[in-house]
Amino acid sequence: ETPHPGEKVHAAVRFSGIAYAGMRRIACVEISVDEGDWTEIAFDAGEPGGWSRWAFEWHAPAPGVYSLRVRATDESGETQTEGAPDQPFPNGSSAIHRIVFEVI
């Protein structure tokens, strides 16, 4: 996925990654920049049991350090939650993914 944690990027940045929901299909992928509102983004739903690719173009309002959160919802309505996952695979992917990066 991009950008990587701690990476320095330019004002126009392309976020990308993958979502996975076990044997269920991904129904929705959302991002939040700097703890802002969740915004639904485009993604490839793929097949149940497969990885779903997502991508989003973002333009930083100014140089600085920003955080990005990404969460997915599966076809049964289960949405990733805040906090650390309670156990390893297959639930190791149940927490919201967060990275911090710098715009130069």
C-alpha atoms as a PDB file:
ATOM      1  CA  GLU A   1       0.000   0.000   0.000  1.00  0.00           C
ATOM      2  CA  THR A   2       1.064   3.585  -0.449  1.00  0.00           C
ATOM      3  CA  PRO A   3       2.192   5.850   0.979  1.00  0.00           C
ATOM      4  CA  HIS A   4       4.267   3.992   3.551  1.00  0.00           C
ATOM      5  CA  PRO A   5       4.272   5.081   7.219  1.00  0.00           C
ATOM      6  CA  GLY A   6       6.622   8.045   7.676  1.00  0.00           C
ATOM      7  CA  GLU A   7       7.052   8.529   3.930  1.00  0.00           C
ATOM      8  CA  LYS A   8       7.570  12.046   2.542  1.00  0.00           C
ATOM      9  CA  VAL A   9       5.266  12.756  -0.404  1.00  0.00           C
ATOM     10  CA  HIS A  10       4.304  15.678  -2.625  1.00  0.00           C
ATOM     11  CA  ALA A  11       1.010  17.596  -2.339  1.00  0.00           C
ATOM     12  CA  ALA A  12      -0.765  15.300  -4.809  1.00  0.00           C
ATOM     13  CA  VAL A  13      -0.626  11.784  -3.425  1.00  0.00           C
ATOM     14  CA  ARG A  14      -2.212   8.515  -4.505  1.00  0.00           C
ATOM     15  CA  PHE A  15      -3.308   6.300  -1.644  1.00  0.00           C
ATOM     16  CA  SER A  16      -3.674   2.634  -2.508  1.00  0.00           C
ATOM     17  CA  GLY A  17      -3.959  -0.686  -0.761  1.00  0.00           C
ATOM     18  CA  ILE A  18      -5.951  -3.862  -0.390  1.00  0.00           C
ATOM     19  CA  ALA A  19      -8.920  -4.948   1.707  1.00  0.00           C
ATOM     20  CA  TYR A  20      -9.759  -8.494   2.751  1.00  0.00           C
ATOM     21  CA  ALA A  21     -12.810 -10.023   4.441  1.00  0.00           C
ATOM     22  CA  GLY A  22     -12.122 -13.723   4.514  1.00  0.00           C
ATOM     23  CA  MET A  23     -14.729 -15.615   2.503  1.00  0.00           C
ATOM     24  CA  ARG A  24     -16.992 -12.544   2.288  1.00  0.00           C
ATOM     25  CA  ARG A  25     -16.879  -9.884  -0.431  1.00  0.00           C
ATOM     26  CA  ILE A  26     -15.854  -6.295   0.407  1.00  0.00           C
ATOM     27  CA  ALA A  27     -18.873  -3.957   0.110  1.00  0.00           C
ATOM     28  CA  CYS A  28     -17.316  -0.580   0.944  1.00  0.00           C
ATOM     29  CA  VAL A  29     -13.894   1.030   1.526  1.00  0.00           C
ATOM     30  CA  GLU A  30     -13.603   4.404   3.283  1.00  0.00           C
ATOM     31  CA  ILE A  31     -10.764   6.758   4.191  1.00  0.00           C
ATOM     32  CA  SER A  32     -10.394   9.515   6.764  1.00  0.00           C
ATOM     33  CA  VAL A  33      -7.602  12.108   6.676  1.00  0.00           C
ATOM     34  CA  ASP A  34      -6.556  13.693   9.998  1.00  0.00           C
ATOM     35  CA  GLU A  35      -9.500  12.174  11.903  1.00  0.00           C
ATOM     36  CA  GLY A  36     -11.974  13.852   9.515  1.00  0.00           C
ATOM     37  CA  ASP A  37     -15.208  12.429   8.174  1.00  0.00           C
ATOM     38  CA  TRP A  38     -15.159   9.029   6.496  1.00  0.00           C
ATOM     39  CA  THR A  39     -15.275   9.234   2.685  1.00  0.00           C
ATOM     40  CA  GLU A  40     -16.251   6.266   0.528  1.00  0.00           C
ATOM     41  CA  ILE A  41     -13.724   5.550  -2.229  1.00  0.00           C
ATOM     42  CA  ALA A  42     -13.629   3.442  -5.383  1.00  0.00           C
ATOM     43  CA  PHE A  43     -12.402  -0.153  -5.125  1.00  0.00           C
ATOM     44  CA  ASP A  44     -12.437  -3.442  -6.992  1.00  0.00           C
ATOM     45  CA  ALA A  45     -14.817  -5.753  -5.118  1.00  0.00           C
ATOM     46  CA  GLY A  46     -13.090  -8.868  -6.406  1.00  0.00           C
ATOM     47  CA  GLU A  47     -14.329 -12.314  -5.482  1.00  0.00           C
ATOM     48  CA  PRO A  48     -15.268 -13.680  -2.046  1.00  0.00           C
ATOM     49  CA  GLY A  49     -12.074 -14.940  -0.420  1.00  0.00           C
ATOM     50  CA  GLY A  50      -9.916 -12.627  -2.525  1.00  0.00           C
ATOM     51  CA  TRP A  51      -8.175  -9.310  -1.988  1.00  0.00           C
ATOM     52  CA  SER A  52      -9.973  -6.113  -3.067  1.00  0.00           C
ATOM     53  CA  ARG A  53      -7.732  -3.343  -4.423  1.00  0.00           C
ATOM     54  CA  TRP A  54      -8.570   0.289  -3.694  1.00  0.00           C
ATOM     55  CA  ALA A  55      -7.042   3.654  -4.655  1.00  0.00           C
ATOM     56  CA  PHE A  56      -7.742   7.327  -4.017  1.00  0.00           C
ATOM     57  CA  GLU A  57      -6.121  10.565  -5.252  1.00  0.00           C
ATOM     58  CA  TRP A  58      -5.725  13.265  -2.573  1.00  0.00           C
ATOM     59  CA  HIS A  59      -4.331  16.807  -2.700  1.00  0.00           C
ATOM     60  CA  ALA A  60      -2.866  18.158   0.543  1.00  0.00           C
ATOM     61  CA  PRO A  61      -3.993  21.685   1.430  1.00  0.00           C
ATOM     62  CA  ALA A  62      -0.483  22.548   2.692  1.00  0.00           C
ATOM     63  CA  PRO A  63       2.828  20.914   3.617  1.00  0.00           C
ATOM     64  CA  GLY A  64       2.779  19.121   6.962  1.00  0.00           C
ATOM     65  CA  VAL A  65       2.246  15.830   8.748  1.00  0.00           C
ATOM     66  CA  TYR A  66      -1.044  14.039   8.096  1.00  0.00           C
ATOM     67  CA  SER A  67      -2.664  10.802   9.183  1.00  0.00           C
ATOM     68  CA  LEU A  68      -4.727   8.454   7.047  1.00  0.00           C
ATOM     69  CA  ARG A  69      -7.197   5.870   8.316  1.00  0.00           C
ATOM     70  CA  VAL A  70      -8.708   3.205   6.069  1.00  0.00           C
ATOM     71  CA  ARG A  71     -11.564   0.860   6.894  1.00  0.00           C
ATOM     72  CA  ALA A  72     -13.571  -1.676   4.952  1.00  0.00           C
ATOM     73  CA  THR A  73     -17.064  -3.072   5.348  1.00  0.00           C
ATOM     74  CA  ASP A  74     -17.918  -6.557   4.127  1.00  0.00           C
ATOM     75  CA  GLU A  75     -21.112  -7.755   2.463  1.00  0.00           C
ATOM     76  CA  SER A  76     -22.553  -8.847   5.826  1.00  0.00           C
ATOM     77  CA  GLY A  77     -22.258  -5.250   7.125  1.00  0.00           C
ATOM     78  CA  GLU A  78     -19.277  -5.860   9.416  1.00  0.00           C
ATOM     79  CA  THR A  79     -17.007  -2.783   9.477  1.00  0.00           C
ATOM     80  CA  GLN A  80     -13.415  -2.698  10.727  1.00  0.00           C
ATOM     81  CA  THR A  81     -13.155  -0.993  14.124  1.00  0.00           C
ATOM     82  CA  GLU A  82     -10.698   1.239  15.984  1.00  0.00           C
ATOM     83  CA  GLY A  83      -8.029  -0.368  18.123  1.00  0.00           C
ATOM     84  CA  ALA A  84      -5.771  -3.351  17.909  1.00  0.00           C
ATOM     85  CA  PRO A  85      -7.131  -6.643  16.647  1.00  0.00           C
ATOM     86  CA  ASP A  86      -8.032  -9.037  19.440  1.00  0.00           C
ATOM     87  CA  GLN A  87      -6.249 -12.030  17.929  1.00  0.00           C
ATOM     88  CA  PRO A  88      -4.093 -12.983  14.964  1.00  0.00           C
ATOM     89  CA  PHE A  89      -5.309 -14.315  11.610  1.00  0.00           C
ATOM     90  CA  PRO A  90      -8.036 -14.383  10.540  1.00  0.00           C
ATOM     91  CA  ASN A  91      -9.054 -11.471  12.786  1.00  0.00           C
ATOM     92  CA  GLY A  92      -5.686  -9.734  12.512  1.00  0.00           C
ATOM     93  CA  SER A  93      -7.207  -7.638   9.740  1.00  0.00           C
ATOM     94  CA  SER A  94     -10.213  -6.493  11.773  1.00  0.00           C
ATOM     95  CA  ALA A  95      -8.772  -3.161  12.967  1.00  0.00           C
ATOM     96  CA  ILE A  96      -8.765   0.128  11.072  1.00  0.00           C
ATOM     97  CA  HIS A  97      -5.425   0.670   9.336  1.00  0.00           C
ATOM     98  CA  ARG A  98      -3.668   3.972  10.160  1.00  0.00           C
ATOM     99  CA  ILE A  99      -0.514   5.586   8.773  1.00  0.00           C
ATOM    100  CA  VAL A 100       1.190   8.934   9.324  1.00  0.00           C
ATOM    101  CA  PHE A 101       3.034  10.585   6.426  1.00  0.00           C
ATOM    102  CA  GLU A 102       4.561  13.974   5.607  1.00  0.00           C
ATOM    103  CA  VAL A 103       3.687  16.250   2.689  1.00  0.00           C
ATOM    104  CA  ILE A 104       6.692  18.316   1.548  1.00  0.00           C
END
